[in-house]
Amino acid sequence: QVQLVESGGGLVQPGGSLRVSCAASGSIFSRYDMGWYRQTPGKQRELVAAITSGGSTNYADVVKARFTISRDNAKNTVYLQMNSLKPEDTAVYYCNARHIIISRYDYWGQGTQVTVSS
């Protein structure tokens, strides 16, 4: 069992930056691929960025060159640095952890609201 707690969301002006964090506990963090997803009302949850246990990254086209995902295995934490934010980035951001071998070991955080508005 993995517990995920997101933090760092908030209100930011267009063009601004924000970093959200996801602290994991309860299992061996390095054995999980991690991802950030986001969701707006009435829409499906979508992948924003992902990072494997080995550090390989993947981004949605709409955030490439603006967002950076990273992980600190010593701190059991994954980060999403968001730059040049746009109003359309407004969403609830969720952290996901998926075991690298046992895919049914798939966990979600409670989400953190990011609002981009002037």
N, C-alpha and C. Protein backbone atom coordinates (compact mmCIF):
# COMPACT_ATOMS: atom_id res chain seq x y z
N GLN A 1 0.85 -1.20 0.00
CA GLN A 1 0.00 0.00 0.00
C GLN A 1 0.88 1.25 0.00
N VAL A 2 0.50 2.19 -0.84
CA VAL A 2 1.24 3.45 -0.93
C VAL A 2 0.28 4.60 -0.64
N GLN A 3 0.71 5.51 0.19
CA GLN A 3 -0.06 6.72 0.45
C GLN A 3 0.65 7.88 -0.26
N LEU A 4 -0.14 8.68 -0.96
CA LEU A 4 0.41 9.81 -1.72
C LEU A 4 -0.26 11.09 -1.25
N VAL A 5 0.54 12.09 -0.95
CA VAL A 5 0.00 13.36 -0.49
C VAL A 5 0.60 14.48 -1.34
N GLU A 6 -0.28 15.14 -2.10
CA GLU A 6 0.17 16.26 -2.93
C GLU A 6 0.14 17.56 -2.14
N SER A 7 0.98 18.48 -2.55
CA SER A 7 1.01 19.80 -1.95
C SER A 7 1.57 20.79 -2.97
N GLY A 8 1.37 22.07 -2.68
CA GLY A 8 1.97 23.10 -3.51
C GLY A 8 1.06 23.77 -4.51
N GLY A 9 -0.17 23.31 -4.60
CA GLY A 9 -1.09 23.95 -5.52
C GLY A 9 -1.49 25.33 -5.04
N GLY A 10 -2.18 26.06 -5.89
CA GLY A 10 -2.62 27.39 -5.51
C GLY A 10 -3.00 28.23 -6.71
N LEU A 11 -3.08 29.53 -6.47
CA LEU A 11 -3.45 30.49 -7.51
C LEU A 11 -2.19 31.18 -8.02
N VAL A 12 -2.05 31.24 -9.33
CA VAL A 12 -0.90 31.88 -9.94
C VAL A 12 -1.36 32.64 -11.18
N GLN A 13 -0.68 33.71 -11.48
CA GLN A 13 -1.04 34.51 -12.65
C GLN A 13 -0.51 33.85 -13.93
N PRO A 14 -1.15 34.12 -15.03
CA PRO A 14 -0.64 33.60 -16.32
C PRO A 14 0.82 34.02 -16.52
N GLY A 15 1.62 33.07 -17.00
CA GLY A 15 3.04 33.32 -17.18
C GLY A 15 3.87 33.00 -15.96
N GLY A 16 3.22 32.74 -14.85
CA GLY A 16 3.92 32.45 -13.61
C GLY A 16 4.35 31.00 -13.50
N SER A 17 4.94 30.69 -12.35
CA SER A 17 5.46 29.35 -12.09
C SER A 17 4.91 28.81 -10.78
N LEU A 18 4.90 27.49 -10.71
CA LEU A 18 4.43 26.82 -9.50
C LEU A 18 5.08 25.44 -9.48
N ARG A 19 5.40 24.97 -8.30
CA ARG A 19 5.89 23.60 -8.15
C ARG A 19 4.98 22.84 -7.21
N VAL A 20 4.49 21.72 -7.69
CA VAL A 20 3.70 20.83 -6.85
C VAL A 20 4.54 19.61 -6.49
N SER A 21 4.28 19.10 -5.31
CA SER A 21 5.04 17.96 -4.79
C SER A 21 4.10 16.84 -4.41
N CYS A 22 4.64 15.64 -4.41
CA CYS A 22 3.88 14.46 -4.01
C CYS A 22 4.78 13.61 -3.14
N ALA A 23 4.42 13.51 -1.88
CA ALA A 23 5.19 12.70 -0.94
C ALA A 23 4.55 11.33 -0.81
N ALA A 24 5.37 10.31 -0.95
CA ALA A 24 4.89 8.94 -0.89
C ALA A 24 5.36 8.25 0.39
N SER A 25 4.54 7.36 0.89
CA SER A 25 4.92 6.58 2.06
C SER A 25 4.27 5.21 1.97
N GLY A 26 4.83 4.27 2.69
CA GLY A 26 4.19 2.98 2.82
C GLY A 26 4.81 1.86 2.02
N SER A 27 5.70 2.20 1.10
CA SER A 27 6.33 1.15 0.32
C SER A 27 7.66 1.65 -0.23
N ILE A 28 8.29 0.85 -1.04
CA ILE A 28 9.60 1.22 -1.58
C ILE A 28 9.40 2.12 -2.79
N PHE A 29 9.64 3.40 -2.60
CA PHE A 29 9.34 4.40 -3.61
C PHE A 29 10.06 4.12 -4.92
N SER A 30 11.27 3.65 -4.85
CA SER A 30 12.07 3.46 -6.06
C SER A 30 11.54 2.35 -6.96
N ARG A 31 10.61 1.58 -6.47
CA ARG A 31 10.02 0.50 -7.27
C ARG A 31 8.75 0.94 -7.99
N TYR A 32 8.50 2.23 -7.98
CA TYR A 32 7.28 2.75 -8.61
C TYR A 32 7.61 3.76 -9.70
N ASP A 33 6.92 3.61 -10.82
CA ASP A 33 6.86 4.67 -11.81
C ASP A 33 5.86 5.70 -11.29
N MET A 34 6.17 6.98 -11.50
CA MET A 34 5.33 8.04 -10.95
C MET A 34 4.80 8.92 -12.07
N GLY A 35 3.63 9.47 -11.84
CA GLY A 35 3.06 10.35 -12.85
C GLY A 35 2.23 11.45 -12.24
N TRP A 36 2.10 12.52 -13.00
CA TRP A 36 1.18 13.60 -12.66
C TRP A 36 0.08 13.64 -13.72
N TYR A 37 -1.14 13.68 -13.24
CA TYR A 37 -2.31 13.79 -14.11
C TYR A 37 -3.08 15.04 -13.69
N ARG A 38 -3.97 15.46 -14.58
CA ARG A 38 -4.85 16.57 -14.20
C ARG A 38 -6.24 16.34 -14.73
N GLN A 39 -7.18 17.00 -14.07
CA GLN A 39 -8.59 16.83 -14.45
C GLN A 39 -9.34 18.11 -14.21
N THR A 40 -10.19 18.44 -15.17
CA THR A 40 -11.12 19.57 -15.03
C THR A 40 -12.54 19.03 -15.05
N PRO A 41 -13.49 19.79 -14.52
CA PRO A 41 -14.87 19.31 -14.45
C PRO A 41 -15.40 18.88 -15.82
N GLY A 42 -15.98 17.72 -15.85
CA GLY A 42 -16.60 17.23 -17.07
C GLY A 42 -15.65 16.59 -18.06
N LYS A 43 -14.37 16.54 -17.71
CA LYS A 43 -13.39 15.96 -18.61
C LYS A 43 -12.69 14.78 -17.94
N GLN A 44 -12.12 13.92 -18.80
CA GLN A 44 -11.38 12.78 -18.26
C GLN A 44 -10.03 13.24 -17.70
N ARG A 45 -9.56 12.46 -16.77
CA ARG A 45 -8.23 12.73 -16.23
C ARG A 45 -7.20 12.46 -17.32
N GLU A 46 -6.23 13.35 -17.45
CA GLU A 46 -5.25 13.21 -18.51
C GLU A 46 -3.83 13.21 -17.94
N LEU A 47 -2.96 12.48 -18.61
CA LEU A 47 -1.57 12.44 -18.20
C LEU A 47 -0.88 13.75 -18.54
N VAL A 48 -0.16 14.29 -17.58
CA VAL A 48 0.62 15.51 -17.80
C VAL A 48 2.08 15.15 -18.00
N ALA A 49 2.62 14.36 -17.07
CA ALA A 49 4.03 13.99 -17.13
C ALA A 49 4.24 12.72 -16.33
N ALA A 50 5.23 11.95 -16.72
CA ALA A 50 5.53 10.71 -16.03
C ALA A 50 7.04 10.54 -15.93
N ILE A 51 7.45 9.81 -14.90
CA ILE A 51 8.87 9.51 -14.72
C ILE A 51 8.98 8.07 -14.23
N THR A 52 9.83 7.30 -14.90
CA THR A 52 9.97 5.91 -14.52
C THR A 52 10.87 5.77 -13.29
N SER A 53 10.92 4.56 -12.78
CA SER A 53 11.80 4.32 -11.63
C SER A 53 13.25 4.61 -11.98
N GLY A 54 13.57 4.48 -13.26
CA GLY A 54 14.94 4.74 -13.71
C GLY A 54 15.22 6.17 -14.09
N GLY A 55 14.18 7.01 -14.06
CA GLY A 55 14.38 8.42 -14.33
C GLY A 55 14.02 8.89 -15.72
N SER A 56 13.53 8.01 -16.58
CA SER A 56 13.09 8.44 -17.91
C SER A 56 11.77 9.20 -17.79
N THR A 57 11.64 10.24 -18.60
CA THR A 57 10.47 11.10 -18.49
C THR A 57 9.66 11.12 -19.78
N ASN A 58 8.40 11.49 -19.62
CA ASN A 58 7.48 11.59 -20.74
C ASN A 58 6.49 12.71 -20.43
N TYR A 59 6.17 13.51 -21.46
CA TYR A 59 5.30 14.67 -21.24
C TYR A 59 4.18 14.70 -22.27
N ALA A 60 3.04 15.23 -21.85
CA ALA A 60 1.99 15.55 -22.80
C ALA A 60 2.48 16.69 -23.69
N ASP A 61 2.09 16.66 -24.94
CA ASP A 61 2.55 17.67 -25.89
C ASP A 61 2.24 19.09 -25.41
N VAL A 62 1.11 19.27 -24.76
CA VAL A 62 0.67 20.61 -24.37
C VAL A 62 1.51 21.22 -23.26
N VAL A 63 2.34 20.42 -22.58
CA VAL A 63 3.15 20.95 -21.49
C VAL A 63 4.65 20.84 -21.76
N LYS A 64 5.01 20.20 -22.87
CA LYS A 64 6.44 20.06 -23.19
C LYS A 64 7.11 21.41 -23.23
N ALA A 65 8.32 21.47 -22.70
CA ALA A 65 9.15 22.67 -22.64
C ALA A 65 8.67 23.66 -21.59
N ARG A 66 7.55 23.38 -20.95
CA ARG A 66 7.07 24.27 -19.86
C ARG A 66 7.10 23.58 -18.50
N PHE A 67 6.82 22.28 -18.49
CA PHE A 67 6.76 21.53 -17.24
C PHE A 67 7.95 20.57 -17.15
N THR A 68 8.39 20.33 -15.92
CA THR A 68 9.46 19.37 -15.68
C THR A 68 9.10 18.49 -14.50
N ILE A 69 9.13 17.18 -14.73
CA ILE A 69 8.90 16.23 -13.65
C ILE A 69 10.25 15.71 -13.16
N SER A 70 10.34 15.52 -11.85
CA SER A 70 11.57 14.98 -11.27
C SER A 70 11.20 14.18 -10.03
N ARG A 71 12.14 13.39 -9.58
CA ARG A 71 11.90 12.60 -8.38
C ARG A 71 13.15 12.58 -7.52
N ASP A 72 12.93 12.48 -6.22
CA ASP A 72 14.01 12.35 -5.25
C ASP A 72 13.71 11.09 -4.45
N ASN A 73 14.37 10.02 -4.81
CA ASN A 73 14.08 8.74 -4.15
C ASN A 73 14.48 8.76 -2.68
N ALA A 74 15.44 9.57 -2.32
CA ALA A 74 15.85 9.66 -0.92
C ALA A 74 14.76 10.30 -0.06
N LYS A 75 13.97 11.17 -0.70
CA LYS A 75 12.89 11.85 0.02
C LYS A 75 11.52 11.27 -0.29
N ASN A 76 11.49 10.23 -1.13
CA ASN A 76 10.21 9.60 -1.51
C ASN A 76 9.23 10.64 -2.06
N THR A 77 9.74 11.50 -2.91
CA THR A 77 8.94 12.61 -3.39
C THR A 77 9.12 12.79 -4.90
N VAL A 78 8.03 13.12 -5.56
CA VAL A 78 8.06 13.47 -6.97
C VAL A 78 7.56 14.90 -7.10
N TYR A 79 8.15 15.63 -8.02
CA TYR A 79 7.84 17.04 -8.20
C TYR A 79 7.36 17.30 -9.62
N LEU A 80 6.58 18.37 -9.75
CA LEU A 80 6.23 18.86 -11.07
C LEU A 80 6.45 20.37 -11.05
N GLN A 81 7.48 20.80 -11.74
CA GLN A 81 7.76 22.22 -11.88
C GLN A 81 7.02 22.73 -13.11
N MET A 82 6.17 23.73 -12.89
CA MET A 82 5.34 24.25 -13.97
C MET A 82 5.71 25.71 -14.22
N ASN A 83 6.16 25.99 -15.42
CA ASN A 83 6.54 27.35 -15.82
C ASN A 83 5.65 27.83 -16.94
N SER A 84 5.66 29.12 -17.18
CA SER A 84 4.87 29.73 -18.26
C SER A 84 3.44 29.23 -18.22
N LEU A 85 2.86 29.27 -17.05
CA LEU A 85 1.52 28.71 -16.88
C LEU A 85 0.48 29.50 -17.66
N LYS A 86 -0.51 28.76 -18.14
CA LYS A 86 -1.60 29.33 -18.93
C LYS A 86 -2.93 29.05 -18.22
N PRO A 87 -3.93 29.85 -18.50
CA PRO A 87 -5.24 29.59 -17.87
C PRO A 87 -5.75 28.17 -18.14
N GLU A 88 -5.42 27.62 -19.29
CA GLU A 88 -5.88 26.26 -19.60
C GLU A 88 -5.15 25.19 -18.81
N ASP A 89 -4.13 25.56 -18.04
CA ASP A 89 -3.49 24.61 -17.15
C ASP A 89 -4.26 24.46 -15.84
N THR A 90 -5.28 25.28 -15.65
CA THR A 90 -6.10 25.20 -14.44
C THR A 90 -6.76 23.84 -14.35
N ALA A 91 -6.57 23.17 -13.23
CA ALA A 91 -7.09 21.81 -13.04
C ALA A 91 -6.75 21.34 -11.63
N VAL A 92 -7.33 20.20 -11.28
CA VAL A 92 -6.85 19.48 -10.11
C VAL A 92 -5.76 18.54 -10.58
N TYR A 93 -4.62 18.62 -9.94
CA TYR A 93 -3.46 17.80 -10.32
C TYR A 93 -3.35 16.63 -9.34
N TYR A 94 -3.25 15.44 -9.91
CA TYR A 94 -3.19 14.21 -9.13
C TYR A 94 -1.85 13.51 -9.33
N CYS A 95 -1.36 12.96 -8.28
CA CYS A 95 -0.14 12.15 -8.31
C CYS A 95 -0.54 10.67 -8.42
N ASN A 96 0.22 9.94 -9.20
CA ASN A 96 -0.03 8.50 -9.38
C ASN A 96 1.25 7.71 -9.18
N ALA A 97 1.12 6.56 -8.56
CA ALA A 97 2.24 5.64 -8.39
C ALA A 97 1.83 4.27 -8.89
N ARG A 98 2.64 3.70 -9.75
CA ARG A 98 2.36 2.37 -10.29
C ARG A 98 3.61 1.51 -10.15
N HIS A 99 3.43 0.32 -9.54
CA HIS A 99 4.56 -0.57 -9.32
C HIS A 99 5.16 -1.00 -10.66
N ILE A 100 6.46 -1.11 -10.70
CA ILE A 100 7.13 -1.40 -11.96
C ILE A 100 6.90 -2.82 -12.45
N ILE A 101 6.49 -3.72 -11.56
CA ILE A 101 6.24 -5.11 -11.95
C ILE A 101 4.78 -5.49 -11.78
N ILE A 102 4.21 -5.15 -10.64
CA ILE A 102 2.83 -5.54 -10.32
C ILE A 102 1.93 -4.34 -10.62
N SER A 103 1.41 -4.27 -11.84
CA SER A 103 0.71 -3.08 -12.30
C SER A 103 -0.57 -2.79 -11.53
N ARG A 104 -1.14 -3.82 -10.87
CA ARG A 104 -2.37 -3.55 -10.11
C ARG A 104 -2.07 -2.76 -8.84
N TYR A 105 -0.83 -2.67 -8.47
CA TYR A 105 -0.43 -1.80 -7.37
C TYR A 105 -0.33 -0.38 -7.96
N ASP A 106 -1.49 0.27 -7.97
CA ASP A 106 -1.67 1.55 -8.67
C ASP A 106 -2.40 2.47 -7.71
N TYR A 107 -1.78 3.57 -7.34
CA TYR A 107 -2.31 4.41 -6.28
C TYR A 107 -2.40 5.87 -6.72
N TRP A 108 -3.37 6.57 -6.10
CA TRP A 108 -3.62 7.98 -6.41
C TRP A 108 -3.60 8.82 -5.15
N GLY A 109 -3.16 10.06 -5.32
CA GLY A 109 -3.29 11.02 -4.25
C GLY A 109 -4.65 11.68 -4.29
N GLN A 110 -4.88 12.60 -3.37
CA GLN A 110 -6.20 13.24 -3.25
C GLN A 110 -6.34 14.43 -4.19
N GLY A 111 -5.24 14.88 -4.77
CA GLY A 111 -5.29 15.98 -5.72
C GLY A 111 -5.00 17.33 -5.08
N THR A 112 -4.45 18.23 -5.89
CA THR A 112 -4.21 19.60 -5.45
C THR A 112 -4.65 20.55 -6.56
N GLN A 113 -5.37 21.58 -6.17
CA GLN A 113 -5.93 22.51 -7.16
C GLN A 113 -4.87 23.51 -7.61
N VAL A 114 -4.75 23.65 -8.92
CA VAL A 114 -3.91 24.69 -9.52
C VAL A 114 -4.81 25.59 -10.35
N THR A 115 -4.80 26.86 -10.04
CA THR A 115 -5.62 27.83 -10.75
C THR A 115 -4.73 28.90 -11.35
N VAL A 116 -4.85 29.08 -12.65
CA VAL A 116 -4.06 30.09 -13.36
C VAL A 116 -5.02 31.18 -13.81
N SER A 117 -4.91 32.32 -13.18
CA SER A 117 -5.86 33.39 -13.46
C SER A 117 -5.27 34.73 -13.04
N SER A 118 -5.66 35.76 -13.76
CA SER A 118 -5.23 37.12 -13.39
C SER A 118 -6.27 37.78 -12.50
